[in-house]
Protein backbone atom coordinates (compact mmCIF):
# COMPACT_ATOMS: atom_id res chain seq x y z
CA MET A 1 87.28 81.93 19.41
CA PRO A 2 85.55 78.53 19.85
CA PHE A 3 84.81 77.32 23.37
CA HIS A 4 83.80 73.89 24.55
CA ARG A 5 80.04 73.68 25.14
CA THR A 6 78.76 71.75 28.15
CA ARG A 7 75.07 71.48 27.38
CA THR A 8 74.13 69.19 30.27
CA ALA A 9 75.68 71.60 32.77
CA GLU A 10 73.98 74.52 31.01
CA TYR A 11 70.58 72.88 31.44
CA LEU A 12 71.30 72.12 35.11
CA ALA A 13 72.37 75.74 35.69
CA ARG A 14 69.26 76.98 33.93
CA GLU A 15 67.07 74.92 36.26
CA ILE A 16 68.88 76.28 39.34
CA LEU A 17 68.29 79.83 38.15
CA ARG A 18 64.63 79.18 37.36
CA SER A 19 64.11 77.65 40.81
CA GLU A 20 65.53 80.90 42.26
CA GLY A 21 62.94 82.96 40.34
CA PHE A 22 65.05 84.00 37.34
CA SER A 23 63.95 84.07 33.73
CA VAL A 24 66.68 82.45 31.63
CA LEU A 25 67.77 82.39 27.99
CA ARG A 26 70.37 79.89 26.76
CA SER A 27 72.74 80.99 24.00
CA ILE A 28 72.99 78.77 20.93
CA ASP A 29 75.97 80.65 19.51
CA ALA A 30 78.85 78.14 19.54
CA CYS A 31 81.41 80.97 19.61
CA SER A 32 79.87 82.84 22.55
CA LEU A 33 81.63 82.72 25.90
CA ILE A 34 78.30 83.49 27.61
CA ASN A 35 76.02 80.45 27.83
CA LEU A 36 73.12 81.84 29.88
CA VAL A 37 71.48 85.22 30.32
CA ALA A 38 69.28 85.46 33.42
CA TRP A 39 67.27 88.22 35.05
CA ALA A 40 64.82 88.67 37.90
CA PRO A 41 63.10 91.71 39.40
CA GLY A 42 65.45 93.41 41.85
CA ARG A 43 68.32 91.00 41.03
CA GLY A 44 69.67 92.56 37.84
CA LEU A 45 70.99 90.89 34.71
CA PHE A 46 73.35 87.89 34.97
CA LEU A 47 75.67 86.93 32.09
CA ILE A 48 76.89 83.42 32.89
CA ARG A 49 79.67 81.25 31.51
CA VAL A 50 79.04 77.57 32.38
CA THR A 51 81.85 75.04 32.19
CA THR A 52 82.77 71.67 33.68
CA THR A 53 85.80 69.93 35.10
CA ARG A 54 86.72 66.52 36.47
CA ARG A 55 89.13 68.08 38.96
CA ALA A 56 88.50 68.69 42.61
CA ILE A 57 88.43 72.46 43.13
CA SER A 58 89.83 74.09 46.24
CA GLY A 59 88.79 77.71 45.82
CA ALA A 60 88.87 81.01 43.94
CA ALA A 61 92.69 81.13 43.63
CA GLU A 62 92.73 77.77 41.84
CA ILE A 63 89.84 78.81 39.60
CA ALA A 64 91.64 82.06 38.72
CA ALA A 65 94.72 80.09 37.67
CA LEU A 66 92.98 77.27 35.78
CA TRP A 67 90.50 79.46 33.88
CA LYS A 68 92.74 82.53 33.55
CA ASP A 69 92.16 83.06 29.81
CA GLU A 70 88.38 82.74 30.05
CA ILE A 71 88.25 84.98 33.12
CA ASP A 72 90.36 87.62 31.34
CA ILE A 73 87.90 87.63 28.43
CA LEU A 74 84.91 87.77 30.80
CA ARG A 75 86.51 90.66 32.71
CA ALA A 76 86.90 92.63 29.47
CA MET A 77 83.28 92.17 28.34
CA PRO A 78 81.08 95.25 28.13
CA VAL A 79 78.27 94.73 30.62
CA PRO A 80 74.99 96.66 30.61
CA SER A 81 74.20 98.86 33.60
CA GLY A 82 72.89 96.68 36.42
CA GLY A 83 74.47 93.57 34.91
CA SER A 84 77.03 91.15 36.31
CA VAL A 85 79.24 88.45 34.82
CA TYR A 86 79.61 85.02 36.39
CA LEU A 87 81.61 81.84 35.91
CA TRP A 88 79.82 78.67 37.02
CA ILE A 89 81.85 75.46 37.13
CA TYR A 90 80.25 72.03 37.52
CA THR A 91 82.50 69.25 38.81
CA ASP A 92 82.18 65.52 38.31
CA ARG A 93 81.50 65.34 42.04
CA LYS A 94 78.10 66.89 41.24
CA ALA A 95 78.99 70.18 42.88
CA TRP A 96 78.76 73.75 41.61
CA HIS A 97 81.41 76.40 42.11
CA ARG A 98 79.95 79.80 41.25
CA TYR A 99 81.98 82.99 40.98
CA GLN A 100 81.23 86.57 40.10
CA VAL A 101 83.77 88.06 37.74
CA HIS A 102 84.97 91.57 38.65
CA PRO A 103 87.47 93.85 36.88
CA GLY A 104 90.06 92.92 39.51
CA GLY A 105 89.34 89.21 39.93
CA ILE A 106 86.63 86.79 41.04
CA THR A 107 84.63 86.20 44.22
CA GLU A 108 82.54 83.24 45.26
CA MET A 109 78.85 83.88 44.75
CA HIS A 110 75.82 82.88 46.75
CA LEU A 111 72.35 83.18 45.23
């Protein structure tokens, strides 16, 4: 299943993670839903989907509706022990909306 790649946002997300002490790998697989894999001692493994939008975003309920298909796929992914899945959305207002994906939905994340 091909997904739109947002390389600029991926690089910005990578720099945020590195500034927070994470080591980061960026996926080059065009068909992968996961764009970044990040880890840090005591923080676990992060599998991150990075995407962009030009819309103003009002919260988790709107994200869950707009990105329902991607979130459903992320929720079904096998995750290694100690790992977590995230959806990071970059808006044209230069703001990040970051959510952890759980089996039952999503929650806003704070690093």
